[in-house]
Structure formats: C-alpha cells, structure tokens
Amino acid sequence: MIGSPRKPDTKNRRRRSDGSQFYIVSGRKYFDKELNEIEEDNDYTFTPEQRRVYKTVGGAPHLDGTYTIFGEVVSGMDVVDAIEQVETDREWRPVEDIRLKNIRILR
C-alpha cells in the first residue's frame, strides 16, 4: 500500500495527512497475539477478514483507521525491497534521499 504520513496527534488533532510525502508499506505477517495487542493499544477491532490477511499476506495493522491509503504497488516490489535495505537515521528516514524517477497512475 501507499499512504500519506502525518504529524503526531499532539501536533495534529485533526489527523490531517501530509500533502507532499508518502510511504510504501512492505509489511510483514502477524500472529494473533500481536494483533490483539494492536487492537488494545489502538482501541480498534479487526474484522475476521483483516485478521486473515494480516496473518497470511501481511501488512501494517498499526496504521489501520488512522492513516490515509491512496494507492498500491502493483509491480516493482523488488525496488521497494531494495529501498527497505538502505541505511536510515533514528527516525527511520533514509540517510540519503531516495528520489522517484518515474511513476504511473493507473486510475
């Protein structure tokens, strides 16, 4: 998935998304215990289908209900995997900027 980041709730009470940045979720698979903890921490209940997907396909369930998702990577996950390997700082930002040269919007 491709989504919009935002500032923390303490500085952004209306939870507005950033209009000039995005993130790509590569995700991972989760266990029921982890999903239960996320539900408790976020006062959120996953549907049976969401649980099935998070346990078999993966994702980032801690983002559910609080961030705007606006797209999906349909090809080029090898590039996403390579980006995932770059050196990052303490805030998970790449030490050297990664620039996109080309994207294609399907719809």
PDB file of N, CA and C in Angstrom:
ATOM      1  N   MET A   1       0.823  -1.180   0.000  1.00  0.00           N
ATOM      2  CA  MET A   1       0.000   0.000   0.000  1.00  0.00           C
ATOM      3  C   MET A   1       0.871   1.248   0.000  1.00  0.00           C
ATOM      4  N   ILE A   2       0.296   2.312  -0.467  1.00  0.00           N
ATOM      5  CA  ILE A   2       0.955   3.617  -0.462  1.00  0.00           C
ATOM      6  C   ILE A   2       0.056   4.556   0.326  1.00  0.00           C
ATOM      7  N   GLY A   3       0.633   5.247   1.298  1.00  0.00           N
ATOM      8  CA  GLY A   3      -0.163   6.108   2.153  1.00  0.00           C
ATOM      9  C   GLY A   3       0.493   7.440   2.421  1.00  0.00           C
ATOM     10  N   SER A   4      -0.260   8.292   3.078  1.00  0.00           N
ATOM     11  CA  SER A   4       0.212   9.633   3.441  1.00  0.00           C
ATOM     12  C   SER A   4       0.588   9.679   4.912  1.00  0.00           C
ATOM     13  N   PRO A   5       1.785  10.167   5.212  1.00  0.00           N
ATOM     14  CA  PRO A   5       2.157  10.331   6.618  1.00  0.00           C
ATOM     15  C   PRO A   5       1.474  11.566   7.204  1.00  0.00           C
ATOM     16  N   ARG A   6       1.613  11.734   8.484  1.00  0.00           N
ATOM     17  CA  ARG A   6       1.084  12.921   9.145  1.00  0.00           C
ATOM     18  C   ARG A   6       1.864  13.174  10.420  1.00  0.00           C
ATOM     19  N   LYS A   7       1.726  14.374  10.932  1.00  0.00           N
ATOM     20  CA  LYS A   7       2.372  14.698  12.195  1.00  0.00           C
ATOM     21  C   LYS A   7       1.665  13.963  13.324  1.00  0.00           C
ATOM     22  N   PRO A   8       2.352  13.797  14.473  1.00  0.00           N
ATOM     23  CA  PRO A   8       1.727  13.121  15.615  1.00  0.00           C
ATOM     24  C   PRO A   8       0.454  13.832  16.078  1.00  0.00           C
ATOM     25  N   ASP A   9      -0.448  13.095  16.682  1.00  0.00           N
ATOM     26  CA  ASP A   9      -1.727  13.634  17.128  1.00  0.00           C
ATOM     27  C   ASP A   9      -1.572  14.836  18.049  1.00  0.00           C
ATOM     28  N   THR A  10      -0.495  14.884  18.830  1.00  0.00           N
ATOM     29  CA  THR A  10      -0.295  16.009  19.752  1.00  0.00           C
ATOM     30  C   THR A  10      -0.091  17.322  18.999  1.00  0.00           C
ATOM     31  N   LYS A  11       0.348  17.244  17.748  1.00  0.00           N
ATOM     32  CA  LYS A  11       0.565  18.447  16.934  1.00  0.00           C
ATOM     33  C   LYS A  11      -0.430  18.526  15.777  1.00  0.00           C
ATOM     34  N   ASN A  12      -1.328  17.549  15.691  1.00  0.00           N
ATOM     35  CA  ASN A  12      -2.212  17.443  14.535  1.00  0.00           C
ATOM     36  C   ASN A  12      -3.524  16.799  14.988  1.00  0.00           C
ATOM     37  N   ARG A  13      -4.287  17.522  15.802  1.00  0.00           N
ATOM     38  CA  ARG A  13      -5.504  16.962  16.392  1.00  0.00           C
ATOM     39  C   ARG A  13      -6.522  16.498  15.363  1.00  0.00           C
ATOM     40  N   ARG A  14      -6.501  17.082  14.173  1.00  0.00           N
ATOM     41  CA  ARG A  14      -7.471  16.704  13.138  1.00  0.00           C
ATOM     42  C   ARG A  14      -6.953  15.554  12.265  1.00  0.00           C
ATOM     43  N   ARG A  15      -5.756  15.070  12.569  1.00  0.00           N
ATOM     44  CA  ARG A  15      -5.144  13.944  11.854  1.00  0.00           C
ATOM     45  C   ARG A  15      -5.073  14.170  10.341  1.00  0.00           C
ATOM     46  N   ARG A  16      -4.706  15.359   9.950  1.00  0.00           N
ATOM     47  CA  ARG A  16      -4.579  15.675   8.528  1.00  0.00           C
ATOM     48  C   ARG A  16      -3.317  15.042   7.960  1.00  0.00           C
ATOM     49  N   SER A  17      -3.451  14.500   6.763  1.00  0.00           N
ATOM     50  CA  SER A  17      -2.317  13.872   6.085  1.00  0.00           C
ATOM     51  C   SER A  17      -1.411  14.932   5.473  1.00  0.00           C
ATOM     52  N   ASP A  18      -0.153  14.581   5.293  1.00  0.00           N
ATOM     53  CA  ASP A  18       0.819  15.442   4.632  1.00  0.00           C
ATOM     54  C   ASP A  18       0.565  15.370   3.131  1.00  0.00           C
ATOM     55  N   GLY A  19       0.510  16.509   2.485  1.00  0.00           N
ATOM     56  CA  GLY A  19       0.219  16.534   1.054  1.00  0.00           C
ATOM     57  C   GLY A  19       1.416  16.380   0.152  1.00  0.00           C
ATOM     58  N   SER A  20       2.627  16.331   0.714  1.00  0.00           N
ATOM     59  CA  SER A  20       3.803  16.298  -0.154  1.00  0.00           C
ATOM     60  C   SER A  20       4.704  15.089   0.078  1.00  0.00           C
ATOM     61  N   GLN A  21       4.300  14.170   0.927  1.00  0.00           N
ATOM     62  CA  GLN A  21       5.109  12.985   1.195  1.00  0.00           C
ATOM     63  C   GLN A  21       4.227  11.750   1.129  1.00  0.00           C
ATOM     64  N   PHE A  22       4.863  10.596   1.016  1.00  0.00           N
ATOM     65  CA  PHE A  22       4.126   9.343   1.055  1.00  0.00           C
ATOM     66  C   PHE A  22       5.033   8.258   1.596  1.00  0.00           C
ATOM     67  N   TYR A  23       4.446   7.139   1.958  1.00  0.00           N
ATOM     68  CA  TYR A  23       5.230   5.982   2.390  1.00  0.00           C
ATOM     69  C   TYR A  23       4.684   4.750   1.683  1.00  0.00           C
ATOM     70  N   ILE A  24       5.521   3.739   1.584  1.00  0.00           N
ATOM     71  CA  ILE A  24       5.135   2.468   0.989  1.00  0.00           C
ATOM     72  C   ILE A  24       5.200   1.423   2.095  1.00  0.00           C
ATOM     73  N   VAL A  25       4.111   0.699   2.279  1.00  0.00           N
ATOM     74  CA  VAL A  25       4.056  -0.345   3.293  1.00  0.00           C
ATOM     75  C   VAL A  25       4.518  -1.655   2.665  1.00  0.00           C
ATOM     76  N   SER A  26       5.614  -2.189   3.164  1.00  0.00           N
ATOM     77  CA  SER A  26       6.025  -3.516   2.701  1.00  0.00           C
ATOM     78  C   SER A  26       5.458  -4.574   3.639  1.00  0.00           C
ATOM     79  N   GLY A  27       5.294  -4.217   4.889  1.00  0.00           N
ATOM     80  CA  GLY A  27       4.613  -5.062   5.872  1.00  0.00           C
ATOM     81  C   GLY A  27       5.279  -6.391   6.159  1.00  0.00           C
ATOM     82  N   ARG A  28       4.621  -7.128   7.027  1.00  0.00           N
ATOM     83  CA  ARG A  28       5.051  -8.472   7.399  1.00  0.00           C
ATOM     84  C   ARG A  28       3.831  -9.220   7.909  1.00  0.00           C
ATOM     85  N   LYS A  29       3.961 -10.508   8.131  1.00  0.00           N
ATOM     86  CA  LYS A  29       2.860 -11.304   8.667  1.00  0.00           C
ATOM     87  C   LYS A  29       2.825 -11.182  10.187  1.00  0.00           C
ATOM     88  N   TYR A  30       1.623 -11.250  10.741  1.00  0.00           N
ATOM     89  CA  TYR A  30       1.422 -11.088  12.176  1.00  0.00           C
ATOM     90  C   TYR A  30       0.784 -12.328  12.784  1.00  0.00           C
ATOM     91  N   PHE A  31       0.952 -12.466  14.089  1.00  0.00           N
ATOM     92  CA  PHE A  31       0.315 -13.530  14.866  1.00  0.00           C
ATOM     93  C   PHE A  31      -0.865 -12.940  15.627  1.00  0.00           C
ATOM     94  N   ASP A  32      -1.815 -13.799  16.029  1.00  0.00           N
ATOM     95  CA  ASP A  32      -2.988 -13.329  16.766  1.00  0.00           C
ATOM     96  C   ASP A  32      -2.618 -12.507  17.994  1.00  0.00           C
ATOM     97  N   LYS A  33      -1.606 -12.938  18.731  1.00  0.00           N
ATOM     98  CA  LYS A  33      -1.204 -12.221  19.945  1.00  0.00           C
ATOM     99  C   LYS A  33      -0.825 -10.770  19.618  1.00  0.00           C
ATOM    100  N   GLU A  34      -0.071 -10.588  18.531  1.00  0.00           N
ATOM    101  CA  GLU A  34       0.337  -9.235  18.129  1.00  0.00           C
ATOM    102  C   GLU A  34      -0.873  -8.407  17.710  1.00  0.00           C
ATOM    103  N   LEU A  35      -1.789  -9.018  16.958  1.00  0.00           N
ATOM    104  CA  LEU A  35      -2.991  -8.306  16.531  1.00  0.00           C
ATOM    105  C   LEU A  35      -3.853  -7.924  17.728  1.00  0.00           C
ATOM    106  N   ASN A  36      -3.936  -8.800  18.722  1.00  0.00           N
ATOM    107  CA  ASN A  36      -4.681  -8.489  19.944  1.00  0.00           C
ATOM    108  C   ASN A  36      -4.086  -7.279  20.650  1.00  0.00           C
ATOM    109  N   GLU A  37      -2.764  -7.219  20.729  1.00  0.00           N
ATOM    110  CA  GLU A  37      -2.086  -6.090  21.381  1.00  0.00           C
ATOM    111  C   GLU A  37      -2.333  -4.789  20.625  1.00  0.00           C
ATOM    112  N   ILE A  38      -2.300  -4.847  19.291  1.00  0.00           N
ATOM    113  CA  ILE A  38      -2.555  -3.644  18.491  1.00  0.00           C
ATOM    114  C   ILE A  38      -3.985  -3.174  18.694  1.00  0.00           C
ATOM    115  N   GLU A  39      -4.929  -4.113  18.733  1.00  0.00           N
ATOM    116  CA  GLU A  39      -6.325  -3.747  18.997  1.00  0.00           C
ATOM    117  C   GLU A  39      -6.453  -3.029  20.335  1.00  0.00           C
ATOM    118  N   GLU A  40      -5.818  -3.583  21.350  1.00  0.00           N
ATOM    119  CA  GLU A  40      -5.898  -2.989  22.691  1.00  0.00           C
ATOM    120  C   GLU A  40      -5.253  -1.603  22.721  1.00  0.00           C
ATOM    121  N   ASP A  41      -4.074  -1.471  22.124  1.00  0.00           N
ATOM    122  CA  ASP A  41      -3.365  -0.190  22.113  1.00  0.00           C
ATOM    123  C   ASP A  41      -4.129   0.895  21.354  1.00  0.00           C
ATOM    124  N   ASN A  42      -4.822   0.511  20.283  1.00  0.00           N
ATOM    125  CA  ASN A  42      -5.480   1.488  19.411  1.00  0.00           C
ATOM    126  C   ASN A  42      -6.989   1.561  19.589  1.00  0.00           C
ATOM    127  N   ASP A  43      -7.525   0.799  20.552  1.00  0.00           N
ATOM    128  CA  ASP A  43      -8.971   0.764  20.763  1.00  0.00           C
ATOM    129  C   ASP A  43      -9.690   0.516  19.434  1.00  0.00           C
ATOM    130  N   TYR A  44      -9.276  -0.557  18.767  1.00  0.00           N
ATOM    131  CA  TYR A  44      -9.736  -0.885  17.419  1.00  0.00           C
ATOM    132  C   TYR A  44      -9.935  -2.398  17.339  1.00  0.00           C
ATOM    133  N   THR A  45     -10.948  -2.853  16.604  1.00  0.00           N
ATOM    134  CA  THR A  45     -11.188  -4.282  16.450  1.00  0.00           C
ATOM    135  C   THR A  45     -11.058  -4.672  14.984  1.00  0.00           C
ATOM    136  N   PHE A  46     -10.176  -5.617  14.684  1.00  0.00           N
ATOM    137  CA  PHE A  46     -10.019  -6.110  13.321  1.00  0.00           C
ATOM    138  C   PHE A  46     -11.158  -7.053  12.973  1.00  0.00           C
ATOM    139  N   THR A  47     -11.589  -7.010  11.717  1.00  0.00           N
ATOM    140  CA  THR A  47     -12.591  -7.961  11.246  1.00  0.00           C
ATOM    141  C   THR A  47     -11.902  -9.315  11.053  1.00  0.00           C
ATOM    142  N   PRO A  48     -12.665 -10.393  10.978  1.00  0.00           N
ATOM    143  CA  PRO A  48     -12.053 -11.696  10.695  1.00  0.00           C
ATOM    144  C   PRO A  48     -11.250 -11.682   9.382  1.00  0.00           C
ATOM    145  N   GLU A  49     -11.742 -10.970   8.385  1.00  0.00           N
ATOM    146  CA  GLU A  49     -11.024 -10.888   7.099  1.00  0.00           C
ATOM    147  C   GLU A  49      -9.695 -10.138   7.253  1.00  0.00           C
ATOM    148  N   GLN A  50      -9.704  -9.039   8.002  1.00  0.00           N
ATOM    149  CA  GLN A  50      -8.457  -8.308   8.244  1.00  0.00           C
ATOM    150  C   GLN A  50      -7.442  -9.211   8.952  1.00  0.00           C
ATOM    151  N   ARG A  51      -7.891  -9.936   9.953  1.00  0.00           N
ATOM    152  CA  ARG A  51      -7.001 -10.853  10.677  1.00  0.00           C
ATOM    153  C   ARG A  51      -6.420 -11.895   9.733  1.00  0.00           C
ATOM    154  N   ARG A  52      -7.258 -12.450   8.874  1.00  0.00           N
ATOM    155  CA  ARG A  52      -6.793 -13.469   7.924  1.00  0.00           C
ATOM    156  C   ARG A  52      -5.701 -12.894   7.024  1.00  0.00           C
ATOM    157  N   VAL A  53      -5.937 -11.694   6.497  1.00  0.00           N
ATOM    158  CA  VAL A  53      -4.957 -11.069   5.597  1.00  0.00           C
ATOM    159  C   VAL A  53      -3.663 -10.763   6.333  1.00  0.00           C
ATOM    160  N   TYR A  54      -3.741 -10.182   7.524  1.00  0.00           N
ATOM    161  CA  TYR A  54      -2.528  -9.846   8.271  1.00  0.00           C
ATOM    162  C   TYR A  54      -1.730 -11.093   8.657  1.00  0.00           C
ATOM    163  N   LYS A  55      -2.417 -12.200   8.840  1.00  0.00           N
ATOM    164  CA  LYS A  55      -1.720 -13.435   9.220  1.00  0.00           C
ATOM    165  C   LYS A  55      -1.181 -14.209   8.021  1.00  0.00           C
ATOM    166  N   THR A  56      -1.752 -14.002   6.831  1.00  0.00           N
ATOM    167  CA  THR A  56      -1.322 -14.780   5.665  1.00  0.00           C
ATOM    168  C   THR A  56      -0.571 -13.960   4.616  1.00  0.00           C
ATOM    169  N   VAL A  57      -0.980 -12.713   4.417  1.00  0.00           N
ATOM    170  CA  VAL A  57      -0.346 -11.853   3.416  1.00  0.00           C
ATOM    171  C   VAL A  57       0.606 -10.864   4.090  1.00  0.00           C
ATOM    172  N   GLY A  58       0.141 -10.262   5.174  1.00  0.00           N
ATOM    173  CA  GLY A  58       0.945  -9.282   5.901  1.00  0.00           C
ATOM    174  C   GLY A  58       0.416  -7.876   5.709  1.00  0.00           C
ATOM    175  N   GLY A  59       1.122  -6.929   6.272  1.00  0.00           N
ATOM    176  CA  GLY A  59       0.733  -5.532   6.168  1.00  0.00           C
ATOM    177  C   GLY A  59       1.256  -4.737   7.341  1.00  0.00           C
ATOM    178  N   ALA A  60       0.541  -3.688   7.701  1.00  0.00           N
ATOM    179  CA  ALA A  60       0.918  -2.811   8.815  1.00  0.00           C
ATOM    180  C   ALA A  60      -0.343  -2.465   9.606  1.00  0.00           C
ATOM    181  N   PRO A  61      -0.841  -3.404  10.389  1.00  0.00           N
ATOM    182  CA  PRO A  61      -2.124  -3.201  11.070  1.00  0.00           C
ATOM    183  C   PRO A  61      -2.151  -2.042  12.050  1.00  0.00           C
ATOM    184  N   HIS A  62      -1.004  -1.624  12.546  1.00  0.00           N
ATOM    185  CA  HIS A  62      -0.972  -0.496  13.480  1.00  0.00           C
ATOM    186  C   HIS A  62      -1.371   0.823  12.804  1.00  0.00           C
ATOM    187  N   LEU A  63      -1.430   0.843  11.477  1.00  0.00           N
ATOM    188  CA  LEU A  63      -1.813   2.050  10.747  1.00  0.00           C
ATOM    189  C   LEU A  63      -3.313   2.119  10.455  1.00  0.00           C
ATOM    190  N   ASP A  64      -4.019   1.017  10.638  1.00  0.00           N
ATOM    191  CA  ASP A  64      -5.447   0.952  10.301  1.00  0.00           C
ATOM    192  C   ASP A  64      -6.251   2.009  11.041  1.00  0.00           C
ATOM    193  N   GLY A  65      -7.105   2.674  10.293  1.00  0.00           N
ATOM    194  CA  GLY A  65      -8.036   3.630  10.883  1.00  0.00           C
ATOM    195  C   GLY A  65      -7.439   4.978  11.226  1.00  0.00           C
ATOM    196  N   THR A  66      -6.137   5.156  11.019  1.00  0.00           N
ATOM    197  CA  THR A  66      -5.532   6.429  11.406  1.00  0.00           C
ATOM    198  C   THR A  66      -4.720   7.090  10.288  1.00  0.00           C
ATOM    199  N   TYR A  67      -4.483   6.394   9.185  1.00  0.00           N
ATOM    200  CA  TYR A  67      -3.716   6.956   8.078  1.00  0.00           C
ATOM    201  C   TYR A  67      -4.451   6.771   6.766  1.00  0.00           C
ATOM    202  N   THR A  68      -4.215   7.692   5.823  1.00  0.00           N
ATOM    203  CA  THR A  68      -4.857   7.649   4.519  1.00  0.00           C
ATOM    204  C   THR A  68      -4.056   6.782   3.563  1.00  0.00           C
ATOM    205  N   ILE A  69      -4.697   5.754   3.018  1.00  0.00           N
ATOM    206  CA  ILE A  69      -4.091   4.905   1.997  1.00  0.00           C
ATOM    207  C   ILE A  69      -4.653   5.363   0.661  1.00  0.00           C
ATOM    208  N   PHE A  70      -3.780   5.621  -0.315  1.00  0.00           N
ATOM    209  CA  PHE A  70      -4.281   6.106  -1.598  1.00  0.00           C
ATOM    210  C   PHE A  70      -3.773   5.313  -2.793  1.00  0.00           C
ATOM    211  N   GLY A  71      -3.010   4.267  -2.573  1.00  0.00           N
ATOM    212  CA  GLY A  71      -2.521   3.514  -3.711  1.00  0.00           C
ATOM    213  C   GLY A  71      -1.947   2.174  -3.323  1.00  0.00           C
ATOM    214  N   GLU A  72      -1.509   1.449  -4.349  1.00  0.00           N
ATOM    215  CA  GLU A  72      -0.941   0.119  -4.155  1.00  0.00           C
ATOM    216  C   GLU A  72       0.190  -0.077  -5.159  1.00  0.00           C
ATOM    217  N   VAL A  73       1.258  -0.687  -4.728  1.00  0.00           N
ATOM    218  CA  VAL A  73       2.352  -1.033  -5.632  1.00  0.00           C
ATOM    219  C   VAL A  73       1.913  -2.298  -6.367  1.00  0.00           C
ATOM    220  N   VAL A  74       1.773  -2.205  -7.698  1.00  0.00           N
ATOM    221  CA  VAL A  74       1.306  -3.361  -8.468  1.00  0.00           C
ATOM    222  C   VAL A  74       2.443  -4.061  -9.209  1.00  0.00           C
ATOM    223  N   SER A  75       3.572  -3.395  -9.330  1.00  0.00           N
ATOM    224  CA  SER A  75       4.776  -4.034  -9.869  1.00  0.00           C
ATOM    225  C   SER A  75       5.976  -3.271  -9.336  1.00  0.00           C
ATOM    226  N   GLY A  76       7.115  -3.942  -9.313  1.00  0.00           N
ATOM    227  CA  GLY A  76       8.323  -3.286  -8.834  1.00  0.00           C
ATOM    228  C   GLY A  76       8.585  -3.447  -7.352  1.00  0.00           C
ATOM    229  N   MET A  77       8.005  -4.478  -6.743  1.00  0.00           N
ATOM    230  CA  MET A  77       8.264  -4.689  -5.315  1.00  0.00           C
ATOM    231  C   MET A  77       9.746  -4.949  -5.056  1.00  0.00           C
ATOM    232  N   ASP A  78      10.490  -5.377  -6.060  1.00  0.00           N
ATOM    233  CA  ASP A  78      11.931  -5.544  -5.885  1.00  0.00           C
ATOM    234  C   ASP A  78      12.589  -4.204  -5.572  1.00  0.00           C
ATOM    235  N   VAL A  79      12.054  -3.129  -6.125  1.00  0.00           N
ATOM    236  CA  VAL A  79      12.569  -1.791  -5.832  1.00  0.00           C
ATOM    237  C   VAL A  79      12.221  -1.422  -4.392  1.00  0.00           C
ATOM    238  N   VAL A  80      11.008  -1.720  -3.968  1.00  0.00           N
ATOM    239  CA  VAL A  80      10.594  -1.468  -2.584  1.00  0.00           C
ATOM    240  C   VAL A  80      11.503  -2.244  -1.633  1.00  0.00           C
ATOM    241  N   ASP A  81      11.773  -3.500  -1.959  1.00  0.00           N
ATOM    242  CA  ASP A  81      12.660  -4.325  -1.127  1.00  0.00           C
ATOM    243  C   ASP A  81      14.058  -3.722  -1.043  1.00  0.00           C
ATOM    244  N   ALA A  82      14.561  -3.164  -2.148  1.00  0.00           N
ATOM    245  CA  ALA A  82      15.888  -2.528  -2.151  1.00  0.00           C
ATOM    246  C   ALA A  82      15.882  -1.257  -1.296  1.00  0.00           C
ATOM    247  N   ILE A  83      14.815  -0.478  -1.396  1.00  0.00           N
ATOM    248  CA  ILE A  83      14.689   0.739  -0.580  1.00  0.00           C
ATOM    249  C   ILE A  83      14.694   0.375   0.896  1.00  0.00           C
ATOM    250  N   GLU A  84      14.041  -0.730   1.223  1.00  0.00           N
ATOM    251  CA  GLU A  84      13.944  -1.186   2.611  1.00  0.00           C
ATOM    252  C   GLU A  84      15.320  -1.476   3.219  1.00  0.00           C
ATOM    253  N   GLN A  85      16.315  -1.728   2.394  1.00  0.00           N
ATOM    254  CA  GLN A  85      17.647  -2.104   2.868  1.00  0.00           C
ATOM    255  C   GLN A  85      18.597  -0.928   3.080  1.00  0.00           C
ATOM    256  N   VAL A  86      18.206   0.300   2.677  1.00  0.00           N
ATOM    257  CA  VAL A  86      19.129   1.432   2.790  1.00  0.00           C
ATOM    258  C   VAL A  86      19.319   1.838   4.252  1.00  0.00           C
ATOM    259  N   GLU A  87      20.425   2.486   4.498  1.00  0.00           N
ATOM    260  CA  GLU A  87      20.726   2.973   5.856  1.00  0.00           C
ATOM    261  C   GLU A  87      19.755   4.086   6.223  1.00  0.00           C
ATOM    262  N   THR A  88      19.239   4.050   7.471  1.00  0.00           N
ATOM    263  CA  THR A  88      18.298   5.064   7.948  1.00  0.00           C
ATOM    264  C   THR A  88      18.816   5.700   9.234  1.00  0.00           C
ATOM    265  N   ASP A  89      18.237   6.866   9.551  1.00  0.00           N
ATOM    266  CA  ASP A  89      18.605   7.535  10.796  1.00  0.00           C
ATOM    267  C   ASP A  89      17.697   7.033  11.926  1.00  0.00           C
ATOM    268  N   ARG A  90      17.742   7.695  13.071  1.00  0.00           N
ATOM    269  CA  ARG A  90      16.981   7.252  14.236  1.00  0.00           C
ATOM    270  C   ARG A  90      15.473   7.385  14.061  1.00  0.00           C
ATOM    271  N   GLU A  91      15.046   8.180  13.079  1.00  0.00           N
ATOM    272  CA  GLU A  91      13.623   8.368  12.817  1.00  0.00           C
ATOM    273  C   GLU A  91      13.172   7.558  11.604  1.00  0.00           C
ATOM    274  N   TRP A  92      13.964   6.585  11.179  1.00  0.00           N
ATOM    275  CA  TRP A  92      13.673   5.686  10.064  1.00  0.00           C
ATOM    276  C   TRP A  92      13.684   6.388   8.713  1.00  0.00           C
ATOM    277  N   ARG A  93      14.277   7.560   8.629  1.00  0.00           N
ATOM    278  CA  ARG A  93      14.393   8.275   7.358  1.00  0.00           C
ATOM    279  C   ARG A  93      15.709   7.872   6.708  1.00  0.00           C
ATOM    280  N   PRO A  94      15.707   7.629   5.382  1.00  0.00           N
ATOM    281  CA  PRO A  94      16.965   7.280   4.708  1.00  0.00           C
ATOM    282  C   PRO A  94      18.032   8.357   4.917  1.00  0.00           C
ATOM    283  N   VAL A  95      19.259   7.925   5.168  1.00  0.00           N
ATOM    284  CA  VAL A  95      20.369   8.862   5.356  1.00  0.00           C
ATOM    285  C   VAL A  95      20.559   9.678   4.072  1.00  0.00           C
ATOM    286  N   GLU A  96      20.433   9.033   2.934  1.00  0.00           N
ATOM    287  CA  GLU A  96      20.480   9.726   1.644  1.00  0.00           C
ATOM    288  C   GLU A  96      19.094   9.655   1.016  1.00  0.00           C
ATOM    289  N   ASP A  97      18.600  10.799   0.526  1.00  0.00           N
ATOM    290  CA  ASP A  97      17.270  10.835  -0.079  1.00  0.00           C
ATOM    291  C   ASP A  97      17.149   9.837  -1.223  1.00  0.00           C
ATOM    292  N   ILE A  98      15.977   9.277  -1.357  1.00  0.00           N
ATOM    293  CA  ILE A  98      15.651   8.375  -2.457  1.00  0.00           C
ATOM    294  C   ILE A  98      14.641   9.112  -3.323  1.00  0.00           C
ATOM    295  N   ARG A  99      14.973   9.290  -4.573  1.00  0.00           N
ATOM    296  CA  ARG A  99      14.089  10.037  -5.466  1.00  0.00           C
ATOM    297  C   ARG A  99      13.459   9.110  -6.495  1.00  0.00           C
ATOM    298  N   LEU A 100      12.183   9.328  -6.746  1.00  0.00           N
ATOM    299  CA  LEU A 100      11.490   8.575  -7.784  1.00  0.00           C
ATOM    300  C   LEU A 100      11.739   9.246  -9.119  1.00  0.00           C
ATOM    301  N   LYS A 101      12.044   8.449 -10.115  1.00  0.00           N
ATOM    302  CA  LYS A 101      12.254   8.988 -11.457  1.00  0.00           C
ATOM    303  C   LYS A 101      11.012   8.844 -12.312  1.00  0.00           C
ATOM    304  N   ASN A 102      10.174   7.845 -11.980  1.00  0.00           N
ATOM    305  CA  ASN A 102       9.031   7.586 -12.826  1.00  0.00           C
ATOM    306  C   ASN A 102       7.955   6.844 -12.030  1.00  0.00           C
ATOM    307  N   ILE A 103       6.725   7.284 -12.147  1.00  0.00           N
ATOM    308  CA  ILE A 103       5.586   6.559 -11.607  1.00  0.00           C
ATOM    309  C   ILE A 103       4.501   6.557 -12.676  1.00  0.00           C
ATOM    310  N   ARG A 104       3.601   5.612 -12.570  1.00  0.00           N
ATOM    311  CA  ARG A 104       2.471   5.569 -13.493  1.00  0.00           C
ATOM    312  C   ARG A 104       1.203   5.403 -12.671  1.00  0.00           C
ATOM    313  N   ILE A 105       0.281   6.301 -12.861  1.00  0.00           N
ATOM    314  CA  ILE A 105      -1.010   6.240 -12.170  1.00  0.00           C
ATOM    315  C   ILE A 105      -1.978   5.490 -13.070  1.00  0.00           C
ATOM    316  N   LEU A 106      -2.531   4.387 -12.553  1.00  0.00           N
ATOM    317  CA  LEU A 106      -3.405   3.549 -13.367  1.00  0.00           C
ATOM    318  C   LEU A 106      -4.843   4.041 -13.400  1.00  0.00           C
ATOM    319  N   ARG A 107      -5.282   4.672 -12.351  1.00  0.00           N
ATOM    320  CA  ARG A 107      -6.650   5.215 -12.335  1.00  0.00           C
ATOM    321  C   ARG A 107      -6.642   6.598 -11.802  1.00  0.00           C
TER     322      ARG A 107
END
